[in-house]
Structures are given as C-alpha cells and as structure tokens.
mmCIF file of all heavy atoms, coordinates in Angstrom:
data_MODEL
# 
_entry.id   MODEL 
# 
loop_
_atom_site.group_PDB 
_atom_site.id 
_atom_site.type_symbol 
_atom_site.label_atom_id 
_atom_site.label_alt_id 
_atom_site.label_comp_id 
_atom_site.label_asym_id 
_atom_site.label_entity_id 
_atom_site.label_seq_id 
_atom_site.pdbx_PDB_ins_code 
_atom_site.Cartn_x 
_atom_site.Cartn_y 
_atom_site.Cartn_z 
_atom_site.occupancy 
_atom_site.B_iso_or_equiv 
_atom_site.pdbx_formal_charge 
_atom_site.auth_seq_id 
_atom_site.auth_comp_id 
_atom_site.auth_asym_id 
_atom_site.auth_atom_id 
_atom_site.pdbx_PDB_model_num 
ATOM 1   N N   . ILE A 1 1  ? 61.899 -45.421 4.551   1.00 0.00 ? 1  ILE A N   1 
ATOM 2   C CA  . ILE A 1 1  ? 61.270 -44.879 3.347   1.00 0.00 ? 1  ILE A CA  1 
ATOM 3   C C   . ILE A 1 1  ? 60.944 -46.068 2.449   1.00 0.00 ? 1  ILE A C   1 
ATOM 4   O O   . ILE A 1 1  ? 61.800 -46.909 2.180   1.00 0.00 ? 1  ILE A O   1 
ATOM 5   C CB  . ILE A 1 1  ? 62.201 -43.878 2.637   1.00 0.00 ? 1  ILE A CB  1 
ATOM 6   C CG1 . ILE A 1 1  ? 62.497 -42.696 3.573   1.00 0.00 ? 1  ILE A CG1 1 
ATOM 7   C CG2 . ILE A 1 1  ? 61.587 -43.408 1.325   1.00 0.00 ? 1  ILE A CG2 1 
ATOM 8   C CD1 . ILE A 1 1  ? 63.612 -41.796 3.104   1.00 0.00 ? 1  ILE A CD1 1 
ATOM 9   N N   . ARG A 1 2  ? 59.718 -46.133 2.034   1.00 0.00 ? 2  ARG A N   1 
ATOM 10  C CA  . ARG A 1 2  ? 59.275 -47.259 1.213   1.00 0.00 ? 2  ARG A CA  1 
ATOM 11  C C   . ARG A 1 2  ? 59.560 -46.990 -0.261  1.00 0.00 ? 2  ARG A C   1 
ATOM 12  O O   . ARG A 1 2  ? 59.400 -45.868 -0.732  1.00 0.00 ? 2  ARG A O   1 
ATOM 13  C CB  . ARG A 1 2  ? 57.793 -47.501 1.438   1.00 0.00 ? 2  ARG A CB  1 
ATOM 14  C CG  . ARG A 1 2  ? 57.511 -47.896 2.875   1.00 0.00 ? 2  ARG A CG  1 
ATOM 15  C CD  . ARG A 1 2  ? 56.057 -48.110 3.125   1.00 0.00 ? 2  ARG A CD  1 
ATOM 16  N NE  . ARG A 1 2  ? 55.859 -48.413 4.546   1.00 0.00 ? 2  ARG A NE  1 
ATOM 17  C CZ  . ARG A 1 2  ? 54.743 -48.207 5.185   1.00 0.00 ? 2  ARG A CZ  1 
ATOM 18  N NH1 . ARG A 1 2  ? 53.693 -47.716 4.560   1.00 0.00 ? 2  ARG A NH1 1 
ATOM 19  N NH2 . ARG A 1 2  ? 54.633 -48.501 6.468   1.00 0.00 ? 2  ARG A NH2 1 
ATOM 20  N N   . LEU A 1 3  ? 59.970 -48.026 -0.958  1.00 0.00 ? 3  LEU A N   1 
ATOM 21  C CA  . LEU A 1 3  ? 60.250 -47.932 -2.391  1.00 0.00 ? 3  LEU A CA  1 
ATOM 22  C C   . LEU A 1 3  ? 59.166 -48.662 -3.167  1.00 0.00 ? 3  LEU A C   1 
ATOM 23  O O   . LEU A 1 3  ? 58.756 -49.761 -2.787  1.00 0.00 ? 3  LEU A O   1 
ATOM 24  C CB  . LEU A 1 3  ? 61.606 -48.565 -2.717  1.00 0.00 ? 3  LEU A CB  1 
ATOM 25  C CG  . LEU A 1 3  ? 62.829 -47.877 -2.133  1.00 0.00 ? 3  LEU A CG  1 
ATOM 26  C CD1 . LEU A 1 3  ? 64.074 -48.699 -2.423  1.00 0.00 ? 3  LEU A CD1 1 
ATOM 27  C CD2 . LEU A 1 3  ? 62.977 -46.478 -2.695  1.00 0.00 ? 3  LEU A CD2 1 
ATOM 28  N N   . TYR A 1 4  ? 58.723 -48.037 -4.239  1.00 0.00 ? 4  TYR A N   1 
ATOM 29  C CA  . TYR A 1 4  ? 57.700 -48.618 -5.102  1.00 0.00 ? 4  TYR A CA  1 
ATOM 30  C C   . TYR A 1 4  ? 58.160 -48.505 -6.549  1.00 0.00 ? 4  TYR A C   1 
ATOM 31  O O   . TYR A 1 4  ? 58.619 -47.444 -6.962  1.00 0.00 ? 4  TYR A O   1 
ATOM 32  C CB  . TYR A 1 4  ? 56.363 -47.883 -4.949  1.00 0.00 ? 4  TYR A CB  1 
ATOM 33  C CG  . TYR A 1 4  ? 55.851 -47.854 -3.532  1.00 0.00 ? 4  TYR A CG  1 
ATOM 34  C CD1 . TYR A 1 4  ? 56.157 -46.804 -2.679  1.00 0.00 ? 4  TYR A CD1 1 
ATOM 35  C CD2 . TYR A 1 4  ? 55.058 -48.895 -3.048  1.00 0.00 ? 4  TYR A CD2 1 
ATOM 36  C CE1 . TYR A 1 4  ? 55.688 -46.780 -1.373  1.00 0.00 ? 4  TYR A CE1 1 
ATOM 37  C CE2 . TYR A 1 4  ? 54.578 -48.878 -1.740  1.00 0.00 ? 4  TYR A CE2 1 
ATOM 38  C CZ  . TYR A 1 4  ? 54.900 -47.819 -0.911  1.00 0.00 ? 4  TYR A CZ  1 
ATOM 39  O OH  . TYR A 1 4  ? 54.432 -47.791 0.376   1.00 0.00 ? 4  TYR A OH  1 
ATOM 40  N N   . ASN A 1 5  ? 58.031 -49.586 -7.304  1.00 0.00 ? 5  ASN A N   1 
ATOM 41  C CA  . ASN A 1 5  ? 58.427 -49.558 -8.702  1.00 0.00 ? 5  ASN A CA  1 
ATOM 42  C C   . ASN A 1 5  ? 57.183 -49.431 -9.575  1.00 0.00 ? 5  ASN A C   1 
ATOM 43  O O   . ASN A 1 5  ? 56.242 -50.210 -9.447  1.00 0.00 ? 5  ASN A O   1 
ATOM 44  C CB  . ASN A 1 5  ? 59.203 -50.826 -9.064  1.00 0.00 ? 5  ASN A CB  1 
ATOM 45  C CG  . ASN A 1 5  ? 59.935 -50.678 -10.376 1.00 0.00 ? 5  ASN A CG  1 
ATOM 46  O OD1 . ASN A 1 5  ? 59.597 -49.849 -11.207 1.00 0.00 ? 5  ASN A OD1 1 
ATOM 47  N ND2 . ASN A 1 5  ? 60.952 -51.497 -10.556 1.00 0.00 ? 5  ASN A ND2 1 
ATOM 48  N N   . LEU A 1 6  ? 57.196 -48.444 -10.452 1.00 0.00 ? 6  LEU A N   1 
ATOM 49  C CA  . LEU A 1 6  ? 56.079 -48.188 -11.358 1.00 0.00 ? 6  LEU A CA  1 
ATOM 50  C C   . LEU A 1 6  ? 56.236 -48.917 -12.691 1.00 0.00 ? 6  LEU A C   1 
ATOM 51  O O   . LEU A 1 6  ? 55.420 -48.732 -13.592 1.00 0.00 ? 6  LEU A O   1 
ATOM 52  C CB  . LEU A 1 6  ? 55.957 -46.681 -11.620 1.00 0.00 ? 6  LEU A CB  1 
ATOM 53  C CG  . LEU A 1 6  ? 55.653 -45.818 -10.399 1.00 0.00 ? 6  LEU A CG  1 
ATOM 54  C CD1 . LEU A 1 6  ? 55.764 -44.346 -10.755 1.00 0.00 ? 6  LEU A CD1 1 
ATOM 55  C CD2 . LEU A 1 6  ? 54.280 -46.143 -9.851  1.00 0.00 ? 6  LEU A CD2 1 
ATOM 56  N N   . LYS A 1 7  ? 57.268 -49.744 -12.821 1.00 0.00 ? 7  LYS A N   1 
ATOM 57  C CA  . LYS A 1 7  ? 57.520 -50.457 -14.070 1.00 0.00 ? 7  LYS A CA  1 
ATOM 58  C C   . LYS A 1 7  ? 56.275 -51.253 -14.478 1.00 0.00 ? 7  LYS A C   1 
ATOM 59  O O   . LYS A 1 7  ? 55.671 -51.939 -13.663 1.00 0.00 ? 7  LYS A O   1 
ATOM 60  C CB  . LYS A 1 7  ? 58.705 -51.398 -13.893 1.00 0.00 ? 7  LYS A CB  1 
ATOM 61  C CG  . LYS A 1 7  ? 59.098 -52.142 -15.134 1.00 0.00 ? 7  LYS A CG  1 
ATOM 62  C CD  . LYS A 1 7  ? 60.319 -52.991 -14.899 1.00 0.00 ? 7  LYS A CD  1 
ATOM 63  C CE  . LYS A 1 7  ? 60.725 -53.655 -16.197 1.00 0.00 ? 7  LYS A CE  1 
ATOM 64  N NZ  . LYS A 1 7  ? 62.061 -54.174 -16.128 1.00 0.00 ? 7  LYS A NZ  1 
ATOM 65  N N   . GLY A 1 8  ? 55.940 -51.108 -15.740 1.00 0.00 ? 8  GLY A N   1 
ATOM 66  C CA  . GLY A 1 8  ? 54.817 -51.855 -16.259 1.00 0.00 ? 8  GLY A CA  1 
ATOM 67  C C   . GLY A 1 8  ? 53.453 -51.289 -15.908 1.00 0.00 ? 8  GLY A C   1 
ATOM 68  O O   . GLY A 1 8  ? 52.431 -51.905 -16.185 1.00 0.00 ? 8  GLY A O   1 
ATOM 69  N N   . THR A 1 9  ? 53.411 -50.117 -15.289 1.00 0.00 ? 9  THR A N   1 
ATOM 70  C CA  . THR A 1 9  ? 52.130 -49.489 -14.957 1.00 0.00 ? 9  THR A CA  1 
ATOM 71  C C   . THR A 1 9  ? 51.785 -48.447 -16.011 1.00 0.00 ? 9  THR A C   1 
ATOM 72  O O   . THR A 1 9  ? 52.547 -48.207 -16.951 1.00 0.00 ? 9  THR A O   1 
ATOM 73  C CB  . THR A 1 9  ? 52.172 -48.807 -13.568 1.00 0.00 ? 9  THR A CB  1 
ATOM 74  O OG1 . THR A 1 9  ? 53.052 -47.680 -13.632 1.00 0.00 ? 9  THR A OG1 1 
ATOM 75  C CG2 . THR A 1 9  ? 52.644 -49.774 -12.493 1.00 0.00 ? 9  THR A CG2 1 
ATOM 76  N N   . GLU A 1 10 ? 50.665 -47.794 -15.828 1.00 0.00 ? 10 GLU A N   1 
ATOM 77  C CA  . GLU A 1 10 ? 50.268 -46.743 -16.773 1.00 0.00 ? 10 GLU A CA  1 
ATOM 78  C C   . GLU A 1 10 ? 51.088 -45.465 -16.609 1.00 0.00 ? 10 GLU A C   1 
ATOM 79  O O   . GLU A 1 10 ? 50.971 -44.544 -17.400 1.00 0.00 ? 10 GLU A O   1 
ATOM 80  C CB  . GLU A 1 10 ? 48.765 -46.431 -16.645 1.00 0.00 ? 10 GLU A CB  1 
ATOM 81  C CG  . GLU A 1 10 ? 48.367 -45.793 -15.336 1.00 0.00 ? 10 GLU A CG  1 
ATOM 82  C CD  . GLU A 1 10 ? 47.996 -46.777 -14.224 1.00 0.00 ? 10 GLU A CD  1 
ATOM 83  O OE1 . GLU A 1 10 ? 48.354 -47.957 -14.287 1.00 0.00 ? 10 GLU A OE1 1 
ATOM 84  O OE2 . GLU A 1 10 ? 47.345 -46.336 -13.283 1.00 0.00 ? 10 GLU A OE2 1 
ATOM 85  N N   . TYR A 1 11 ? 51.958 -45.405 -15.605 1.00 0.00 ? 11 TYR A N   1 
ATOM 86  C CA  . TYR A 1 11 ? 52.761 -44.205 -15.340 1.00 0.00 ? 11 TYR A CA  1 
ATOM 87  C C   . TYR A 1 11 ? 54.089 -44.274 -16.077 1.00 0.00 ? 11 TYR A C   1 
ATOM 88  O O   . TYR A 1 11 ? 55.163 -44.159 -15.501 1.00 0.00 ? 11 TYR A O   1 
ATOM 89  C CB  . TYR A 1 11 ? 52.974 -44.030 -13.840 1.00 0.00 ? 11 TYR A CB  1 
ATOM 90  C CG  . TYR A 1 11 ? 51.677 -43.935 -13.079 1.00 0.00 ? 11 TYR A CG  1 
ATOM 91  C CD1 . TYR A 1 11 ? 51.219 -45.003 -12.321 1.00 0.00 ? 11 TYR A CD1 1 
ATOM 92  C CD2 . TYR A 1 11 ? 50.909 -42.791 -13.150 1.00 0.00 ? 11 TYR A CD2 1 
ATOM 93  C CE1 . TYR A 1 11 ? 50.015 -44.923 -11.635 1.00 0.00 ? 11 TYR A CE1 1 
ATOM 94  C CE2 . TYR A 1 11 ? 49.699 -42.699 -12.483 1.00 0.00 ? 11 TYR A CE2 1 
ATOM 95  C CZ  . TYR A 1 11 ? 49.267 -43.771 -11.723 1.00 0.00 ? 11 TYR A CZ  1 
ATOM 96  O OH  . TYR A 1 11 ? 48.076 -43.692 -11.062 1.00 0.00 ? 11 TYR A OH  1 
ATOM 97  N N   . LYS A 1 12 ? 54.035 -44.443 -17.375 1.00 0.00 ? 12 LYS A N   1 
ATOM 98  C CA  . LYS A 1 12 ? 55.227 -44.629 -18.201 1.00 0.00 ? 12 LYS A CA  1 
ATOM 99  C C   . LYS A 1 12 ? 56.106 -43.382 -18.286 1.00 0.00 ? 12 LYS A C   1 
ATOM 100 O O   . LYS A 1 12 ? 57.308 -43.488 -18.485 1.00 0.00 ? 12 LYS A O   1 
ATOM 101 C CB  . LYS A 1 12 ? 54.821 -45.069 -19.602 1.00 0.00 ? 12 LYS A CB  1 
ATOM 102 C CG  . LYS A 1 12 ? 54.176 -46.435 -19.643 1.00 0.00 ? 12 LYS A CG  1 
ATOM 103 C CD  . LYS A 1 12 ? 53.724 -46.782 -21.036 1.00 0.00 ? 12 LYS A CD  1 
ATOM 104 C CE  . LYS A 1 12 ? 52.989 -48.078 -21.190 1.00 0.00 ? 12 LYS A CE  1 
ATOM 105 N NZ  . LYS A 1 12 ? 52.705 -48.895 -20.083 1.00 0.00 ? 12 LYS A NZ  1 
ATOM 106 N N   . ASN A 1 13 ? 55.526 -42.204 -18.136 1.00 0.00 ? 13 ASN A N   1 
ATOM 107 C CA  . ASN A 1 13 ? 56.285 -40.958 -18.292 1.00 0.00 ? 13 ASN A CA  1 
ATOM 108 C C   . ASN A 1 13 ? 56.960 -40.501 -17.001 1.00 0.00 ? 13 ASN A C   1 
ATOM 109 O O   . ASN A 1 13 ? 57.714 -39.540 -17.013 1.00 0.00 ? 13 ASN A O   1 
ATOM 110 C CB  . ASN A 1 13 ? 55.378 -39.843 -18.824 1.00 0.00 ? 13 ASN A CB  1 
ATOM 111 C CG  . ASN A 1 13 ? 54.881 -40.151 -20.213 1.00 0.00 ? 13 ASN A CG  1 
ATOM 112 O OD1 . ASN A 1 13 ? 55.562 -40.808 -20.994 1.00 0.00 ? 13 ASN A OD1 1 
ATOM 113 N ND2 . ASN A 1 13 ? 53.691 -39.695 -20.535 1.00 0.00 ? 13 ASN A ND2 1 
ATOM 114 N N   . ILE A 1 14 ? 56.682 -41.161 -15.912 1.00 0.00 ? 14 ILE A N   1 
ATOM 115 C CA  . ILE A 1 14 ? 57.263 -40.766 -14.631 1.00 0.00 ? 14 ILE A CA  1 
ATOM 116 C C   . ILE A 1 14 ? 58.566 -41.519 -14.417 1.00 0.00 ? 14 ILE A C   1 
ATOM 117 O O   . ILE A 1 14 ? 58.627 -42.740 -14.558 1.00 0.00 ? 14 ILE A O   1 
ATOM 118 C CB  . ILE A 1 14 ? 56.286 -41.059 -13.470 1.00 0.00 ? 14 ILE A CB  1 
ATOM 119 C CG1 . ILE A 1 14 ? 55.052 -40.168 -13.598 1.00 0.00 ? 14 ILE A CG1 1 
ATOM 120 C CG2 . ILE A 1 14 ? 56.974 -40.870 -12.123 1.00 0.00 ? 14 ILE A CG2 1 
ATOM 121 C CD1 . ILE A 1 14 ? 53.986 -40.438 -12.562 1.00 0.00 ? 14 ILE A CD1 1 
ATOM 122 N N   . THR A 1 15 ? 59.616 -40.781 -14.091 1.00 0.00 ? 15 THR A N   1 
ATOM 123 C CA  . THR A 1 15 ? 60.882 -41.426 -13.723 1.00 0.00 ? 15 THR A CA  1 
ATOM 124 C C   . THR A 1 15 ? 60.885 -41.691 -12.232 1.00 0.00 ? 15 THR A C   1 
ATOM 125 O O   . THR A 1 15 ? 61.200 -42.792 -11.797 1.00 0.00 ? 15 THR A O   1 
ATOM 126 C CB  . THR A 1 15 ? 62.084 -40.549 -14.121 1.00 0.00 ? 15 THR A CB  1 
ATOM 127 O OG1 . THR A 1 15 ? 62.051 -40.373 -15.538 1.00 0.00 ? 15 THR A OG1 1 
ATOM 128 C CG2 . THR A 1 15 ? 63.394 -41.204 -13.722 1.00 0.00 ? 15 THR A CG2 1 
ATOM 129 N N   . ALA A 1 16 ? 60.538 -40.674 -11.437 1.00 0.00 ? 16 ALA A N   1 
ATOM 130 C CA  . ALA A 1 16 ? 60.489 -40.851 -9.987  1.00 0.00 ? 16 ALA A CA  1 
ATOM 131 C C   . ALA A 1 16 ? 59.674 -39.741 -9.355  1.00 0.00 ? 16 ALA A C   1 
ATOM 132 O O   . ALA A 1 16 ? 59.544 -38.653 -9.907  1.00 0.00 ? 16 ALA A O   1 
ATOM 133 C CB  . ALA A 1 16 ? 61.893 -40.863 -9.400  1.00 0.00 ? 16 ALA A CB  1 
ATOM 134 N N   . ALA A 1 17 ? 59.152 -40.045 -8.177  1.00 0.00 ? 17 ALA A N   1 
ATOM 135 C CA  . ALA A 1 17 ? 58.405 -39.062 -7.383  1.00 0.00 ? 17 ALA A CA  1 
ATOM 136 C C   . ALA A 1 17 ? 58.426 -39.517 -5.931  1.00 0.00 ? 17 ALA A C   1 
ATOM 137 O O   . ALA A 1 17 ? 58.510 -40.708 -5.650  1.00 0.00 ? 17 ALA A O   1 
ATOM 138 C CB  . ALA A 1 17 ? 56.969 -38.952 -7.878  1.00 0.00 ? 17 ALA A CB  1 
ATOM 139 N N   . SER A 1 18 ? 58.358 -38.555 -5.038  1.00 0.00 ? 18 SER A N   1 
ATOM 140 C CA  . SER A 1 18 ? 58.294 -38.851 -3.607  1.00 0.00 ? 18 SER A CA  1 
ATOM 141 C C   . SER A 1 18 ? 56.961 -38.385 -3.065  1.00 0.00 ? 18 SER A C   1 
ATOM 142 O O   . SER A 1 18 ? 56.424 -37.364 -3.509  1.00 0.00 ? 18 SER A O   1 
ATOM 143 C CB  . SER A 1 18 ? 59.394 -38.108 -2.850  1.00 0.00 ? 18 SER A CB  1 
ATOM 144 O OG  . SER A 1 18 ? 60.651 -38.515 -3.306  1.00 0.00 ? 18 SER A OG  1 
ATOM 145 N N   . ILE A 1 19 ? 56.457 -39.126 -2.103  1.00 0.00 ? 19 ILE A N   1 
ATOM 146 C CA  . ILE A 1 19 ? 55.215 -38.727 -1.448  1.00 0.00 ? 19 ILE A CA  1 
ATOM 147 C C   . ILE A 1 19 ? 55.358 -38.887 0.055   1.00 0.00 ? 19 ILE A C   1 
ATOM 148 O O   . ILE A 1 19 ? 56.209 -39.635 0.537   1.00 0.00 ? 19 ILE A O   1 
ATOM 149 C CB  . ILE A 1 19 ? 53.999 -39.553 -1.935  1.00 0.00 ? 19 ILE A CB  1 
ATOM 150 C CG1 . ILE A 1 19 ? 54.176 -41.032 -1.566  1.00 0.00 ? 19 ILE A CG1 1 
ATOM 151 C CG2 . ILE A 1 19 ? 53.764 -39.382 -3.417  1.00 0.00 ? 19 ILE A CG2 1 
ATOM 152 C CD1 . ILE A 1 19 ? 52.877 -41.784 -1.494  1.00 0.00 ? 19 ILE A CD1 1 
ATOM 153 N N   . PHE A 1 20 ? 54.518 -38.157 0.770   1.00 0.00 ? 20 PHE A N   1 
ATOM 154 C CA  . PHE A 1 20 ? 54.396 -38.325 2.215   1.00 0.00 ? 20 PHE A CA  1 
ATOM 155 C C   . PHE A 1 20 ? 52.914 -38.507 2.492   1.00 0.00 ? 20 PHE A C   1 
ATOM 156 O O   . PHE A 1 20 ? 52.101 -37.642 2.189   1.00 0.00 ? 20 PHE A O   1 
ATOM 157 C CB  . PHE A 1 20 ? 54.923 -37.105 2.971   1.00 0.00 ? 20 PHE A CB  1 
ATOM 158 C CG  . PHE A 1 20 ? 54.795 -37.240 4.459   1.00 0.00 ? 20 PHE A CG  1 
ATOM 159 C CD1 . PHE A 1 20 ? 55.659 -38.058 5.171   1.00 0.00 ? 20 PHE A CD1 1 
ATOM 160 C CD2 . PHE A 1 20 ? 53.803 -36.568 5.144   1.00 0.00 ? 20 PHE A CD2 1 
ATOM 161 C CE1 . PHE A 1 20 ? 55.545 -38.196 6.547   1.00 0.00 ? 20 PHE A CE1 1 
ATOM 162 C CE2 . PHE A 1 20 ? 53.675 -36.696 6.528   1.00 0.00 ? 20 PHE A CE2 1 
ATOM 163 C CZ  . PHE A 1 20 ? 54.545 -37.518 7.229   1.00 0.00 ? 20 PHE A CZ  1 
ATOM 164 N N   . THR A 1 21 ? 52.576 -39.667 3.028   1.00 0.00 ? 21 THR A N   1 
ATOM 165 C CA  . THR A 1 21 ? 51.192 -39.940 3.361   1.00 0.00 ? 21 THR A CA  1 
ATOM 166 C C   . THR A 1 21 ? 51.138 -40.964 4.483   1.00 0.00 ? 21 THR A C   1 
ATOM 167 O O   . THR A 1 21 ? 52.016 -41.821 4.592   1.00 0.00 ? 21 THR A O   1 
ATOM 168 C CB  . THR A 1 21 ? 50.389 -40.435 2.129   1.00 0.00 ? 21 THR A CB  1 
ATOM 169 O OG1 . THR A 1 21 ? 49.012 -40.542 2.475   1.00 0.00 ? 21 THR A OG1 1 
ATOM 170 C CG2 . THR A 1 21 ? 50.895 -41.750 1.607   1.00 0.00 ? 21 THR A CG2 1 
ATOM 171 N N   . LEU A 1 22 ? 50.146 -40.831 5.325   1.00 0.00 ? 22 LEU A N   1 
ATOM 172 C CA  . LEU A 1 22 ? 49.975 -41.749 6.462   1.00 0.00 ? 22 LEU A CA  1 
ATOM 173 C C   . LEU A 1 22 ? 51.251 -41.856 7.295   1.00 0.00 ? 22 LEU A C   1 
ATOM 174 O O   . LEU A 1 22 ? 51.648 -42.932 7.731   1.00 0.00 ? 22 LEU A O   1 
ATOM 175 C CB  . LEU A 1 22 ? 49.532 -43.133 5.971   1.00 0.00 ? 22 LEU A CB  1 
ATOM 176 C CG  . LEU A 1 22 ? 48.235 -43.171 5.166   1.00 0.00 ? 22 LEU A CG  1 
ATOM 177 C CD1 . LEU A 1 22 ? 48.003 -44.557 4.600   1.00 0.00 ? 22 LEU A CD1 1 
ATOM 178 C CD2 . LEU A 1 22 ? 47.057 -42.704 5.998   1.00 0.00 ? 22 LEU A CD2 1 
ATOM 179 N N   . ASN A 1 23 ? 51.907 -40.712 7.485   1.00 0.00 ? 23 ASN A N   1 
ATOM 180 C CA  . ASN A 1 23 ? 53.129 -40.608 8.293   1.00 0.00 ? 23 ASN A CA  1 
ATOM 181 C C   . ASN A 1 23 ? 54.299 -41.426 7.762   1.00 0.00 ? 23 ASN A C   1 
ATOM 182 O O   . ASN A 1 23 ? 55.176 -41.835 8.527   1.00 0.00 ? 23 ASN A O   1 
ATOM 183 C CB  . ASN A 1 23 ? 52.848 -40.968 9.755   1.00 0.00 ? 23 ASN A CB  1 
ATOM 184 C CG  . ASN A 1 23 ? 51.924 -39.972 10.404  1.00 0.00 ? 23 ASN A CG  1 
ATOM 185 O OD1 . ASN A 1 23 ? 52.043 -38.769 10.173  1.00 0.00 ? 23 ASN A OD1 1 
ATOM 186 N ND2 . ASN A 1 23 ? 50.980 -40.453 11.184  1.00 0.00 ? 23 ASN A ND2 1 
ATOM 187 N N   . HIS A 1 24 ? 54.331 -41.672 6.470   1.00 0.00 ? 24 HIS A N   1 
ATOM 188 C CA  . HIS A 1 24 ? 55.445 -42.374 5.853   1.00 0.00 ? 24 HIS A CA  1 
ATOM 189 C C   . HIS A 1 24 ? 55.825 -41.697 4.542   1.00 0.00 ? 24 HIS A C   1 
ATOM 190 O O   . HIS A 1 24 ? 54.966 -41.175 3.835   1.00 0.00 ? 24 HIS A O   1 
ATOM 191 C CB  . HIS A 1 24 ? 55.083 -43.832 5.547   1.00 0.00 ? 24 HIS A CB  1 
ATOM 192 C CG  . HIS A 1 24 ? 55.099 -44.705 6.742   1.00 0.00 ? 24 HIS A CG  1 
ATOM 193 N ND1 . HIS A 1 24 ? 53.993 -44.936 7.519   1.00 0.00 ? 24 HIS A ND1 1 
ATOM 194 C CD2 . HIS A 1 24 ? 56.112 -45.399 7.312   1.00 0.00 ? 24 HIS A CD2 1 
ATOM 195 C CE1 . HIS A 1 24 ? 54.312 -45.735 8.518   1.00 0.00 ? 24 HIS A CE1 1 
ATOM 196 N NE2 . HIS A 1 24 ? 55.581 -46.035 8.417   1.00 0.00 ? 24 HIS A NE2 1 
# 
C-alpha cells in the first residue's frame, strides 16, 4: 500500500483518505 503525504498541498482540510486505482 503506497503512502502519500498531502502536507503543504491545497488539501488542507483532509486528514486522510484511501484510494484504489491501477490495481494498487
């Protein structure tokens, strides 16, 4: 499972989210 940090992006209100795309 890949981890991505949204720190410093425009997604300031998101704490966390999971996605499934391209079989990952």
